[in-house]
Amino acid sequence: MTLTELIAKAQALEAQRIGLDAQIEAARVKADAIDNIKAHMESAGVTLDDLGYGSIKPATAKPAKVSTGRKGQRIQPKYRGPNGELWSARGLQPRWLKAELAGGATLEQFKIAA
């Protein structure tokens, strides 16, 4: 790297540091404001129900995981290759299919009849 490139990189890093410092300071101000609000609410005996926000869960609560019931289920293949390879059309295309498509074949040629 040349000296000019190093100077430019140092300036870019300094600008990035300044931006990050501003974000950190904004987060500190916000955290302080939240702490002050919580302290005032507690000292006055005010609850979220009093403010009309009783149904809101605390920010620390994690959302419940919803099971789709599909975990572990096998997916029927939709495409069959010339040597019996199978692909369910999920995820990346397999190598055999990419090679065939590059050779001029179409995806419809490998579709398994339902």
PDB file of N, CA and C in Angstrom:
ATOM      1  N   MET A   1       0.831  -1.185   0.000  1.00  0.00           N
ATOM      2  CA  MET A   1       0.000   0.000   0.000  1.00  0.00           C
ATOM      3  C   MET A   1       0.872   1.244   0.000  1.00  0.00           C
ATOM      4  N   THR A   2       0.386   2.213  -0.702  1.00  0.00           N
ATOM      5  CA  THR A   2       1.125   3.471  -0.747  1.00  0.00           C
ATOM      6  C   THR A   2       0.744   4.334   0.461  1.00  0.00           C
ATOM      7  N   LEU A   3       1.528   5.351   0.677  1.00  0.00           N
ATOM      8  CA  LEU A   3       1.260   6.256   1.782  1.00  0.00           C
ATOM      9  C   LEU A   3      -0.096   6.940   1.615  1.00  0.00           C
ATOM     10  N   THR A   4      -0.431   7.310   0.400  1.00  0.00           N
ATOM     11  CA  THR A   4      -1.712   7.970   0.127  1.00  0.00           C
ATOM     12  C   THR A   4      -2.877   7.037   0.469  1.00  0.00           C
ATOM     13  N   GLU A   5      -2.741   5.751   0.103  1.00  0.00           N
ATOM     14  CA  GLU A   5      -3.798   4.780   0.403  1.00  0.00           C
ATOM     15  C   GLU A   5      -3.943   4.580   1.907  1.00  0.00           C
ATOM     16  N   LEU A   6      -2.821   4.547   2.611  1.00  0.00           N
ATOM     17  CA  LEU A   6      -2.862   4.385   4.059  1.00  0.00           C
ATOM     18  C   LEU A   6      -3.509   5.587   4.741  1.00  0.00           C
ATOM     19  N   ILE A   7      -3.198   6.765   4.247  1.00  0.00           N
ATOM     20  CA  ILE A   7      -3.795   7.980   4.809  1.00  0.00           C
ATOM     21  C   ILE A   7      -5.307   7.976   4.576  1.00  0.00           C
ATOM     22  N   ALA A   8      -5.712   7.599   3.370  1.00  0.00           N
ATOM     23  CA  ALA A   8      -7.144   7.543   3.055  1.00  0.00           C
ATOM     24  C   ALA A   8      -7.849   6.508   3.942  1.00  0.00           C
ATOM     25  N   LYS A   9      -7.212   5.364   4.143  1.00  0.00           N
ATOM     26  CA  LYS A   9      -7.799   4.321   4.986  1.00  0.00           C
ATOM     27  C   LYS A   9      -7.901   4.806   6.435  1.00  0.00           C
ATOM     28  N   ALA A  10      -6.868   5.512   6.915  1.00  0.00           N
ATOM     29  CA  ALA A  10      -6.885   6.045   8.281  1.00  0.00           C
ATOM     30  C   ALA A  10      -8.006   7.066   8.440  1.00  0.00           C
ATOM     31  N   GLN A  11      -8.219   7.907   7.427  1.00  0.00           N
ATOM     32  CA  GLN A  11      -9.294   8.896   7.485  1.00  0.00           C
ATOM     33  C   GLN A  11     -10.655   8.213   7.496  1.00  0.00           C
ATOM     34  N   ALA A  12     -10.807   7.154   6.705  1.00  0.00           N
ATOM     35  CA  ALA A  12     -12.072   6.423   6.671  1.00  0.00           C
ATOM     36  C   ALA A  12     -12.341   5.755   8.016  1.00  0.00           C
ATOM     37  N   LEU A  13     -11.307   5.187   8.614  1.00  0.00           N
ATOM     38  CA  LEU A  13     -11.466   4.556   9.923  1.00  0.00           C
ATOM     39  C   LEU A  13     -11.808   5.581  10.997  1.00  0.00           C
ATOM     40  N   GLU A  14     -11.213   6.750  10.921  1.00  0.00           N
ATOM     41  CA  GLU A  14     -11.505   7.805  11.888  1.00  0.00           C
ATOM     42  C   GLU A  14     -12.954   8.266  11.760  1.00  0.00           C
ATOM     43  N   ALA A  15     -13.424   8.402  10.524  1.00  0.00           N
ATOM     44  CA  ALA A  15     -14.824   8.789  10.303  1.00  0.00           C
ATOM     45  C   ALA A  15     -15.758   7.711  10.852  1.00  0.00           C
ATOM     46  N   GLN A  16     -15.394   6.464  10.650  1.00  0.00           N
ATOM     47  CA  GLN A  16     -16.197   5.358  11.166  1.00  0.00           C
ATOM     48  C   GLN A  16     -16.209   5.375  12.702  1.00  0.00           C
ATOM     49  N   ARG A  17     -15.059   5.651  13.317  1.00  0.00           N
ATOM     50  CA  ARG A  17     -14.976   5.718  14.776  1.00  0.00           C
ATOM     51  C   ARG A  17     -15.870   6.827  15.321  1.00  0.00           C
ATOM     52  N   ILE A  18     -15.853   7.964  14.645  1.00  0.00           N
ATOM     53  CA  ILE A  18     -16.678   9.094  15.085  1.00  0.00           C
ATOM     54  C   ILE A  18     -18.159   8.714  15.009  1.00  0.00           C
ATOM     55  N   GLY A  19     -18.544   8.053  13.930  1.00  0.00           N
ATOM     56  CA  GLY A  19     -19.931   7.612  13.788  1.00  0.00           C
ATOM     57  C   GLY A  19     -20.333   6.622  14.868  1.00  0.00           C
ATOM     58  N   LEU A  20     -19.447   5.689  15.169  1.00  0.00           N
ATOM     59  CA  LEU A  20     -19.734   4.706  16.212  1.00  0.00           C
ATOM     60  C   LEU A  20     -19.810   5.364  17.588  1.00  0.00           C
ATOM     61  N   ASP A  21     -18.930   6.320  17.832  1.00  0.00           N
ATOM     62  CA  ASP A  21     -18.985   7.046  19.099  1.00  0.00           C
ATOM     63  C   ASP A  21     -20.324   7.759  19.267  1.00  0.00           C
ATOM     64  N   ALA A  22     -20.828   8.336  18.182  1.00  0.00           N
ATOM     65  CA  ALA A  22     -22.121   9.023  18.231  1.00  0.00           C
ATOM     66  C   ALA A  22     -23.248   8.029  18.520  1.00  0.00           C
ATOM     67  N   GLN A  23     -23.181   6.848  17.914  1.00  0.00           N
ATOM     68  CA  GLN A  23     -24.203   5.827  18.174  1.00  0.00           C
ATOM     69  C   GLN A  23     -24.155   5.349  19.618  1.00  0.00           C
ATOM     70  N   ILE A  24     -22.959   5.176  20.145  1.00  0.00           N
ATOM     71  CA  ILE A  24     -22.801   4.739  21.531  1.00  0.00           C
ATOM     72  C   ILE A  24     -23.364   5.794  22.482  1.00  0.00           C
ATOM     73  N   GLU A  25     -23.073   7.047  22.214  1.00  0.00           N
ATOM     74  CA  GLU A  25     -23.575   8.132  23.065  1.00  0.00           C
ATOM     75  C   GLU A  25     -25.098   8.207  23.010  1.00  0.00           C
ATOM     76  N   ALA A  26     -25.672   8.035  21.824  1.00  0.00           N
ATOM     77  CA  ALA A  26     -27.132   8.050  21.690  1.00  0.00           C
ATOM     78  C   ALA A  26     -27.751   6.894  22.472  1.00  0.00           C
ATOM     79  N   ALA A  27     -27.116   5.739  22.436  1.00  0.00           N
ATOM     80  CA  ALA A  27     -27.618   4.585  23.187  1.00  0.00           C
ATOM     81  C   ALA A  27     -27.531   4.838  24.685  1.00  0.00           C
ATOM     82  N   ARG A  28     -26.464   5.491  25.133  1.00  0.00           N
ATOM     83  CA  ARG A  28     -26.326   5.826  26.558  1.00  0.00           C
ATOM     84  C   ARG A  28     -27.416   6.800  27.006  1.00  0.00           C
ATOM     85  N   VAL A  29     -27.665   7.816  26.188  1.00  0.00           N
ATOM     86  CA  VAL A  29     -28.698   8.803  26.517  1.00  0.00           C
ATOM     87  C   VAL A  29     -30.057   8.114  26.607  1.00  0.00           C
ATOM     88  N   LYS A  30     -30.333   7.235  25.661  1.00  0.00           N
ATOM     89  CA  LYS A  30     -31.616   6.528  25.656  1.00  0.00           C
ATOM     90  C   LYS A  30     -31.737   5.628  26.886  1.00  0.00           C
ATOM     91  N   ALA A  31     -30.667   4.904  27.223  1.00  0.00           N
ATOM     92  CA  ALA A  31     -30.695   4.020  28.391  1.00  0.00           C
ATOM     93  C   ALA A  31     -30.902   4.829  29.666  1.00  0.00           C
ATOM     94  N   ASP A  32     -30.253   5.984  29.762  1.00  0.00           N
ATOM     95  CA  ASP A  32     -30.431   6.848  30.936  1.00  0.00           C
ATOM     96  C   ASP A  32     -31.869   7.346  31.036  1.00  0.00           C
ATOM     97  N   ALA A  33     -32.443   7.722  29.906  1.00  0.00           N
ATOM     98  CA  ALA A  33     -33.828   8.200  29.899  1.00  0.00           C
ATOM     99  C   ALA A  33     -34.778   7.096  30.343  1.00  0.00           C
ATOM    100  N   ILE A  34     -34.546   5.891  29.867  1.00  0.00           N
ATOM    101  CA  ILE A  34     -35.397   4.757  30.256  1.00  0.00           C
ATOM    102  C   ILE A  34     -35.267   4.495  31.751  1.00  0.00           C
ATOM    103  N   ASP A  35     -34.038   4.521  32.254  1.00  0.00           N
ATOM    104  CA  ASP A  35     -33.832   4.306  33.689  1.00  0.00           C
ATOM    105  C   ASP A  35     -34.533   5.383  34.515  1.00  0.00           C
ATOM    106  N   ASN A  36     -34.467   6.627  34.062  1.00  0.00           N
ATOM    107  CA  ASN A  36     -35.142   7.721  34.776  1.00  0.00           C
ATOM    108  C   ASN A  36     -36.656   7.532  34.779  1.00  0.00           C
ATOM    109  N   ILE A  37     -37.201   7.156  33.641  1.00  0.00           N
ATOM    110  CA  ILE A  37     -38.649   6.940  33.539  1.00  0.00           C
ATOM    111  C   ILE A  37     -39.081   5.808  34.463  1.00  0.00           C
ATOM    112  N   LYS A  38     -38.319   4.722  34.468  1.00  0.00           N
ATOM    113  CA  LYS A  38     -38.649   3.585  35.342  1.00  0.00           C
ATOM    114  C   LYS A  38     -38.592   4.003  36.808  1.00  0.00           C
ATOM    115  N   ALA A  39     -37.569   4.785  37.166  1.00  0.00           N
ATOM    116  CA  ALA A  39     -37.435   5.232  38.560  1.00  0.00           C
ATOM    117  C   ALA A  39     -38.603   6.121  38.957  1.00  0.00           C
ATOM    118  N   HIS A  40     -39.005   7.051  38.082  1.00  0.00           N
ATOM    119  CA  HIS A  40     -40.128   7.945  38.381  1.00  0.00           C
ATOM    120  C   HIS A  40     -41.424   7.154  38.499  1.00  0.00           C
ATOM    121  N   MET A  41     -41.615   6.184  37.614  1.00  0.00           N
ATOM    122  CA  MET A  41     -42.828   5.362  37.669  1.00  0.00           C
ATOM    123  C   MET A  41     -42.888   4.575  38.973  1.00  0.00           C
ATOM    124  N   GLU A  42     -41.737   3.992  39.347  1.00  0.00           N
ATOM    125  CA  GLU A  42     -41.694   3.197  40.573  1.00  0.00           C
ATOM    126  C   GLU A  42     -41.949   4.056  41.804  1.00  0.00           C
ATOM    127  N   SER A  43     -41.337   5.236  41.842  1.00  0.00           N
ATOM    128  CA  SER A  43     -41.513   6.102  43.017  1.00  0.00           C
ATOM    129  C   SER A  43     -42.944   6.617  43.127  1.00  0.00           C
ATOM    130  N   ALA A  44     -43.617   6.797  41.990  1.00  0.00           N
ATOM    131  CA  ALA A  44     -44.994   7.291  42.006  1.00  0.00           C
ATOM    132  C   ALA A  44     -46.005   6.147  42.054  1.00  0.00           C
ATOM    133  N   GLY A  45     -45.539   4.910  41.932  1.00  0.00           N
ATOM    134  CA  GLY A  45     -46.447   3.763  41.966  1.00  0.00           C
ATOM    135  C   GLY A  45     -47.248   3.607  40.684  1.00  0.00           C
ATOM    136  N   VAL A  46     -46.727   4.116  39.579  1.00  0.00           N
ATOM    137  CA  VAL A  46     -47.413   4.037  38.292  1.00  0.00           C
ATOM    138  C   VAL A  46     -47.008   2.742  37.595  1.00  0.00           C
ATOM    139  N   THR A  47     -47.997   2.043  37.036  1.00  0.00           N
ATOM    140  CA  THR A  47     -47.730   0.804  36.298  1.00  0.00           C
ATOM    141  C   THR A  47     -48.083   0.998  34.829  1.00  0.00           C
ATOM    142  N   LEU A  48     -47.720   0.024  34.027  1.00  0.00           N
ATOM    143  CA  LEU A  48     -48.073   0.082  32.609  1.00  0.00           C
ATOM    144  C   LEU A  48     -49.585   0.020  32.419  1.00  0.00           C
ATOM    145  N   ASP A  49     -50.276  -0.697  33.303  1.00  0.00           N
ATOM    146  CA  ASP A  49     -51.741  -0.740  33.242  1.00  0.00           C
ATOM    147  C   ASP A  49     -52.328   0.658  33.417  1.00  0.00           C
ATOM    148  N   ASP A  50     -51.736   1.443  34.323  1.00  0.00           N
ATOM    149  CA  ASP A  50     -52.210   2.807  34.550  1.00  0.00           C
ATOM    150  C   ASP A  50     -52.060   3.661  33.295  1.00  0.00           C
ATOM    151  N   LEU A  51     -51.046   3.360  32.509  1.00  0.00           N
ATOM    152  CA  LEU A  51     -50.793   4.136  31.292  1.00  0.00           C
ATOM    153  C   LEU A  51     -51.547   3.584  30.084  1.00  0.00           C
ATOM    154  N   GLY A  52     -52.222   2.467  30.264  1.00  0.00           N
ATOM    155  CA  GLY A  52     -52.963   1.865  29.153  1.00  0.00           C
ATOM    156  C   GLY A  52     -52.123   0.916  28.318  1.00  0.00           C
ATOM    157  N   TYR A  53     -50.988   0.493  28.840  1.00  0.00           N
ATOM    158  CA  TYR A  53     -50.111  -0.423  28.124  1.00  0.00           C
ATOM    159  C   TYR A  53     -49.989  -1.754  28.850  1.00  0.00           C
ATOM    160  N   GLY A  54     -51.024  -2.188  29.511  1.00  0.00           N
ATOM    161  CA  GLY A  54     -50.964  -3.384  30.334  1.00  0.00           C
ATOM    162  C   GLY A  54     -50.708  -4.661  29.557  1.00  0.00           C
ATOM    163  N   SER A  55     -51.056  -4.697  28.276  1.00  0.00           N
ATOM    164  CA  SER A  55     -50.888  -5.935  27.513  1.00  0.00           C
ATOM    165  C   SER A  55     -49.499  -6.066  26.908  1.00  0.00           C
ATOM    166  N   ILE A  56     -48.665  -5.044  27.073  1.00  0.00           N
ATOM    167  CA  ILE A  56     -47.317  -5.092  26.506  1.00  0.00           C
ATOM    168  C   ILE A  56     -46.420  -5.880  27.436  1.00  0.00           C
ATOM    169  N   LYS A  57     -45.679  -6.827  26.864  1.00  0.00           N
ATOM    170  CA  LYS A  57     -44.749  -7.630  27.651  1.00  0.00           C
ATOM    171  C   LYS A  57     -43.439  -6.860  27.788  1.00  0.00           C
ATOM    172  N   PRO A  58     -42.691  -7.116  28.858  1.00  0.00           N
ATOM    173  CA  PRO A  58     -41.396  -6.453  29.003  1.00  0.00           C
ATOM    174  C   PRO A  58     -40.465  -6.801  27.854  1.00  0.00           C
ATOM    175  N   ALA A  59     -39.541  -5.908  27.581  1.00  0.00           N
ATOM    176  CA  ALA A  59     -38.616  -6.108  26.466  1.00  0.00           C
ATOM    177  C   ALA A  59     -37.734  -7.325  26.665  1.00  0.00           C
ATOM    178  N   THR A  60     -37.577  -7.773  27.899  1.00  0.00           N
ATOM    179  CA  THR A  60     -36.706  -8.924  28.153  1.00  0.00           C
ATOM    180  C   THR A  60     -37.397 -10.241  27.832  1.00  0.00           C
ATOM    181  N   ALA A  61     -38.715 -10.234  27.684  1.00  0.00           N
ATOM    182  CA  ALA A  61     -39.432 -11.468  27.385  1.00  0.00           C
ATOM    183  C   ALA A  61     -39.144 -11.889  25.949  1.00  0.00           C
ATOM    184  N   LYS A  62     -38.849 -13.174  25.779  1.00  0.00           N
ATOM    185  CA  LYS A  62     -38.574 -13.696  24.443  1.00  0.00           C
ATOM    186  C   LYS A  62     -39.869 -14.220  23.841  1.00  0.00           C
ATOM    187  N   PRO A  63     -40.067 -14.003  22.546  1.00  0.00           N
ATOM    188  CA  PRO A  63     -41.283 -14.515  21.922  1.00  0.00           C
ATOM    189  C   PRO A  63     -41.275 -16.045  21.914  1.00  0.00           C
ATOM    190  N   ALA A  64     -42.443 -16.611  22.069  1.00  0.00           N
ATOM    191  CA  ALA A  64     -42.555 -18.067  22.073  1.00  0.00           C
ATOM    192  C   ALA A  64     -42.299 -18.603  20.672  1.00  0.00           C
ATOM    193  N   LYS A  65     -41.616 -19.732  20.608  1.00  0.00           N
ATOM    194  CA  LYS A  65     -41.363 -20.353  19.316  1.00  0.00           C
ATOM    195  C   LYS A  65     -42.625 -21.073  18.857  1.00  0.00           C
ATOM    196  N   VAL A  66     -42.931 -20.909  17.609  1.00  0.00           N
ATOM    197  CA  VAL A  66     -44.090 -21.556  17.031  1.00  0.00           C
ATOM    198  C   VAL A  66     -43.602 -22.722  16.192  1.00  0.00           C
ATOM    199  N   SER A  67     -44.070 -23.899  16.533  1.00  0.00           N
ATOM    200  CA  SER A  67     -43.657 -25.088  15.789  1.00  0.00           C
ATOM    201  C   SER A  67     -44.567 -25.269  14.585  1.00  0.00           C
ATOM    202  N   THR A  68     -43.966 -25.502  13.436  1.00  0.00           N
ATOM    203  CA  THR A  68     -44.758 -25.732  12.237  1.00  0.00           C
ATOM    204  C   THR A  68     -45.151 -27.187  12.115  1.00  0.00           C
ATOM    205  N   GLY A  69     -44.546 -28.041  12.926  1.00  0.00           N
ATOM    206  CA  GLY A  69     -44.878 -29.455  12.873  1.00  0.00           C
ATOM    207  C   GLY A  69     -44.286 -30.174  11.672  1.00  0.00           C
ATOM    208  N   ARG A  70     -43.406 -29.512  10.940  1.00  0.00           N
ATOM    209  CA  ARG A  70     -42.851 -30.101   9.725  1.00  0.00           C
ATOM    210  C   ARG A  70     -41.421 -30.585   9.928  1.00  0.00           C
ATOM    211  N   LYS A  71     -40.862 -30.352  11.092  1.00  0.00           N
ATOM    212  CA  LYS A  71     -39.477 -30.711  11.325  1.00  0.00           C
ATOM    213  C   LYS A  71     -39.307 -32.227  11.204  1.00  0.00           C
ATOM    214  N   GLY A  72     -38.328 -32.621  10.426  1.00  0.00           N
ATOM    215  CA  GLY A  72     -38.034 -34.034  10.273  1.00  0.00           C
ATOM    216  C   GLY A  72     -38.825 -34.721   9.178  1.00  0.00           C
ATOM    217  N   GLN A  73     -39.777 -34.035   8.582  1.00  0.00           N
ATOM    218  CA  GLN A  73     -40.562 -34.645   7.516  1.00  0.00           C
ATOM    219  C   GLN A  73     -39.758 -34.660   6.228  1.00  0.00           C
ATOM    220  N   ARG A  74     -39.861 -35.746   5.507  1.00  0.00           N
ATOM    221  CA  ARG A  74     -39.187 -35.838   4.216  1.00  0.00           C
ATOM    222  C   ARG A  74     -40.026 -35.139   3.154  1.00  0.00           C
ATOM    223  N   ILE A  75     -39.347 -34.508   2.245  1.00  0.00           N
ATOM    224  CA  ILE A  75     -40.014 -33.808   1.147  1.00  0.00           C
ATOM    225  C   ILE A  75     -39.882 -34.675  -0.097  1.00  0.00           C
ATOM    226  N   GLN A  76     -40.965 -34.824  -0.805  1.00  0.00           N
ATOM    227  CA  GLN A  76     -40.944 -35.641  -2.012  1.00  0.00           C
ATOM    228  C   GLN A  76     -40.089 -34.963  -3.083  1.00  0.00           C
ATOM    229  N   PRO A  77     -39.250 -35.719  -3.778  1.00  0.00           N
ATOM    230  CA  PRO A  77     -38.432 -35.127  -4.832  1.00  0.00           C
ATOM    231  C   PRO A  77     -39.300 -34.690  -6.011  1.00  0.00           C
ATOM    232  N   LYS A  78     -38.885 -33.626  -6.659  1.00  0.00           N
ATOM    233  CA  LYS A  78     -39.617 -33.102  -7.812  1.00  0.00           C
ATOM    234  C   LYS A  78     -38.869 -33.307  -9.117  1.00  0.00           C
ATOM    235  N   TYR A  79     -37.557 -33.568  -9.002  1.00  0.00           N
ATOM    236  CA  TYR A  79     -36.740 -33.731 -10.205  1.00  0.00           C
ATOM    237  C   TYR A  79     -35.849 -34.963 -10.055  1.00  0.00           C
ATOM    238  N   ARG A  80     -35.670 -35.706 -11.178  1.00  0.00           N
ATOM    239  CA  ARG A  80     -34.816 -36.883 -11.192  1.00  0.00           C
ATOM    240  C   ARG A  80     -33.781 -36.714 -12.296  1.00  0.00           C
ATOM    241  N   GLY A  81     -32.521 -36.970 -11.938  1.00  0.00           N
ATOM    242  CA  GLY A  81     -31.428 -36.842 -12.888  1.00  0.00           C
ATOM    243  C   GLY A  81     -31.274 -38.077 -13.760  1.00  0.00           C
ATOM    244  N   PRO A  82     -30.386 -38.013 -14.750  1.00  0.00           N
ATOM    245  CA  PRO A  82     -30.199 -39.128 -15.682  1.00  0.00           C
ATOM    246  C   PRO A  82     -29.649 -40.385 -15.009  1.00  0.00           C
ATOM    247  N   ASN A  83     -28.978 -40.251 -13.874  1.00  0.00           N
ATOM    248  CA  ASN A  83     -28.431 -41.412 -13.169  1.00  0.00           C
ATOM    249  C   ASN A  83     -29.220 -41.726 -11.907  1.00  0.00           C
ATOM    250  N   GLY A  84     -30.457 -41.239 -11.826  1.00  0.00           N
ATOM    251  CA  GLY A  84     -31.308 -41.518 -10.679  1.00  0.00           C
ATOM    252  C   GLY A  84     -31.175 -40.531  -9.540  1.00  0.00           C
ATOM    253  N   GLU A  85     -30.396 -39.475  -9.697  1.00  0.00           N
ATOM    254  CA  GLU A  85     -30.259 -38.462  -8.648  1.00  0.00           C
ATOM    255  C   GLU A  85     -31.616 -37.787  -8.437  1.00  0.00           C
ATOM    256  N   LEU A  86     -31.865 -37.368  -7.206  1.00  0.00           N
ATOM    257  CA  LEU A  86     -33.132 -36.723  -6.877  1.00  0.00           C
ATOM    258  C   LEU A  86     -32.884 -35.337  -6.298  1.00  0.00           C
ATOM    259  N   TRP A  87     -33.842 -34.428  -6.551  1.00  0.00           N
ATOM    260  CA  TRP A  87     -33.793 -33.087  -5.988  1.00  0.00           C
ATOM    261  C   TRP A  87     -35.210 -32.656  -5.674  1.00  0.00           C
ATOM    262  N   SER A  88     -35.416 -32.090  -4.478  1.00  0.00           N
ATOM    263  CA  SER A  88     -36.752 -31.696  -4.039  1.00  0.00           C
ATOM    264  C   SER A  88     -37.095 -30.251  -4.414  1.00  0.00           C
ATOM    265  N   ALA A  89     -36.204 -29.566  -5.101  1.00  0.00           N
ATOM    266  CA  ALA A  89     -36.373 -28.168  -5.508  1.00  0.00           C
ATOM    267  C   ALA A  89     -36.253 -27.227  -4.321  1.00  0.00           C
ATOM    268  N   ARG A  90     -35.608 -27.679  -3.266  1.00  0.00           N
ATOM    269  CA  ARG A  90     -35.336 -26.822  -2.113  1.00  0.00           C
ATOM    270  C   ARG A  90     -33.833 -26.658  -2.002  1.00  0.00           C
ATOM    271  N   GLY A  91     -33.406 -25.477  -1.661  1.00  0.00           N
ATOM    272  CA  GLY A  91     -31.982 -25.218  -1.542  1.00  0.00           C
ATOM    273  C   GLY A  91     -31.356 -24.985  -2.909  1.00  0.00           C
ATOM    274  N   LEU A  92     -30.041 -25.026  -2.945  1.00  0.00           N
ATOM    275  CA  LEU A  92     -29.309 -24.784  -4.181  1.00  0.00           C
ATOM    276  C   LEU A  92     -29.505 -25.938  -5.155  1.00  0.00           C
ATOM    277  N   GLN A  93     -29.381 -25.640  -6.425  1.00  0.00           N
ATOM    278  CA  GLN A  93     -29.475 -26.701  -7.421  1.00  0.00           C
ATOM    279  C   GLN A  93     -28.259 -27.617  -7.285  1.00  0.00           C
ATOM    280  N   PRO A  94     -28.477 -28.936  -7.386  1.00  0.00           N
ATOM    281  CA  PRO A  94     -27.340 -29.855  -7.285  1.00  0.00           C
ATOM    282  C   PRO A  94     -26.434 -29.751  -8.507  1.00  0.00           C
ATOM    283  N   ARG A  95     -25.218 -30.245  -8.339  1.00  0.00           N
ATOM    284  CA  ARG A  95     -24.223 -30.157  -9.425  1.00  0.00           C
ATOM    285  C   ARG A  95     -24.699 -30.840 -10.697  1.00  0.00           C
ATOM    286  N   TRP A  96     -25.312 -32.005 -10.549  1.00  0.00           N
ATOM    287  CA  TRP A  96     -25.740 -32.728 -11.752  1.00  0.00           C
ATOM    288  C   TRP A  96     -26.749 -31.901 -12.550  1.00  0.00           C
ATOM    289  N   LEU A  97     -27.642 -31.184 -11.855  1.00  0.00           N
ATOM    290  CA  LEU A  97     -28.640 -30.380 -12.546  1.00  0.00           C
ATOM    291  C   LEU A  97     -28.004 -29.153 -13.192  1.00  0.00           C
ATOM    292  N   LYS A  98     -27.085 -28.523 -12.485  1.00  0.00           N
ATOM    293  CA  LYS A  98     -26.395 -27.369 -13.068  1.00  0.00           C
ATOM    294  C   LYS A  98     -25.651 -27.770 -14.339  1.00  0.00           C
ATOM    295  N   ALA A  99     -24.997 -28.928 -14.295  1.00  0.00           N
ATOM    296  CA  ALA A  99     -24.251 -29.398 -15.465  1.00  0.00           C
ATOM    297  C   ALA A  99     -25.190 -29.668 -16.631  1.00  0.00           C
ATOM    298  N   GLU A 100     -26.328 -30.290 -16.353  1.00  0.00           N
ATOM    299  CA  GLU A 100     -27.298 -30.581 -17.419  1.00  0.00           C
ATOM    300  C   GLU A 100     -27.878 -29.297 -18.006  1.00  0.00           C
ATOM    301  N   LEU A 101     -28.205 -28.343 -17.148  1.00  0.00           N
ATOM    302  CA  LEU A 101     -28.761 -27.074 -17.636  1.00  0.00           C
ATOM    303  C   LEU A 101     -27.725 -26.310 -18.454  1.00  0.00           C
ATOM    304  N   ALA A 102     -26.467 -26.381 -18.046  1.00  0.00           N
ATOM    305  CA  ALA A 102     -25.409 -25.718 -18.807  1.00  0.00           C
ATOM    306  C   ALA A 102     -25.211 -26.389 -20.158  1.00  0.00           C
ATOM    307  N   GLY A 103     -25.538 -27.686 -20.233  1.00  0.00           N
ATOM    308  CA  GLY A 103     -25.410 -28.424 -21.486  1.00  0.00           C
ATOM    309  C   GLY A 103     -26.583 -28.222 -22.431  1.00  0.00           C
ATOM    310  N   GLY A 104     -27.563 -27.432 -22.035  1.00  0.00           N
ATOM    311  CA  GLY A 104     -28.670 -27.128 -22.924  1.00  0.00           C
ATOM    312  C   GLY A 104     -29.983 -27.774 -22.536  1.00  0.00           C
ATOM    313  N   ALA A 105     -30.028 -28.573 -21.498  1.00  0.00           N
ATOM    314  CA  ALA A 105     -31.267 -29.206 -21.064  1.00  0.00           C
ATOM    315  C   ALA A 105     -32.155 -28.182 -20.377  1.00  0.00           C
ATOM    316  N   THR A 106     -33.434 -28.510 -20.250  1.00  0.00           N
ATOM    317  CA  THR A 106     -34.358 -27.635 -19.539  1.00  0.00           C
ATOM    318  C   THR A 106     -34.787 -28.319 -18.247  1.00  0.00           C
ATOM    319  N   LEU A 107     -35.237 -27.545 -17.311  1.00  0.00           N
ATOM    320  CA  LEU A 107     -35.659 -28.061 -16.021  1.00  0.00           C
ATOM    321  C   LEU A 107     -36.851 -29.009 -16.172  1.00  0.00           C
ATOM    322  N   GLU A 108     -37.731 -28.706 -17.092  1.00  0.00           N
ATOM    323  CA  GLU A 108     -38.919 -29.538 -17.323  1.00  0.00           C
ATOM    324  C   GLU A 108     -38.568 -30.957 -17.724  1.00  0.00           C
ATOM    325  N   GLN A 109     -37.414 -31.168 -18.359  1.00  0.00           N
ATOM    326  CA  GLN A 109     -37.016 -32.515 -18.797  1.00  0.00           C
ATOM    327  C   GLN A 109     -36.781 -33.441 -17.618  1.00  0.00           C
ATOM    328  N   PHE A 110     -36.482 -32.894 -16.433  1.00  0.00           N
ATOM    329  CA  PHE A 110     -36.153 -33.715 -15.277  1.00  0.00           C
ATOM    330  C   PHE A 110     -37.292 -33.792 -14.262  1.00  0.00           C
ATOM    331  N   LYS A 111     -38.421 -33.121 -14.561  1.00  0.00           N
ATOM    332  CA  LYS A 111     -39.554 -33.095 -13.631  1.00  0.00           C
ATOM    333  C   LYS A 111     -40.147 -34.486 -13.497  1.00  0.00           C
ATOM    334  N   ILE A 112     -40.418 -34.869 -12.245  1.00  0.00           N
ATOM    335  CA  ILE A 112     -41.053 -36.161 -11.968  1.00  0.00           C
ATOM    336  C   ILE A 112     -42.553 -35.972 -12.071  1.00  0.00           C
ATOM    337  N   ALA A 113     -43.219 -36.837 -12.827  1.00  0.00           N
ATOM    338  CA  ALA A 113     -44.663 -36.725 -13.001  1.00  0.00           C
ATOM    339  C   ALA A 113     -45.351 -37.007 -11.667  1.00  0.00           C
ATOM    340  N   ALA A 114     -46.330 -36.186 -11.329  1.00  0.00           N
ATOM    341  CA  ALA A 114     -47.006 -36.336 -10.037  1.00  0.00           C
ATOM    342  C   ALA A 114     -48.016 -37.449 -10.034  1.00  0.00           C
TER     343      ALA A 114
END
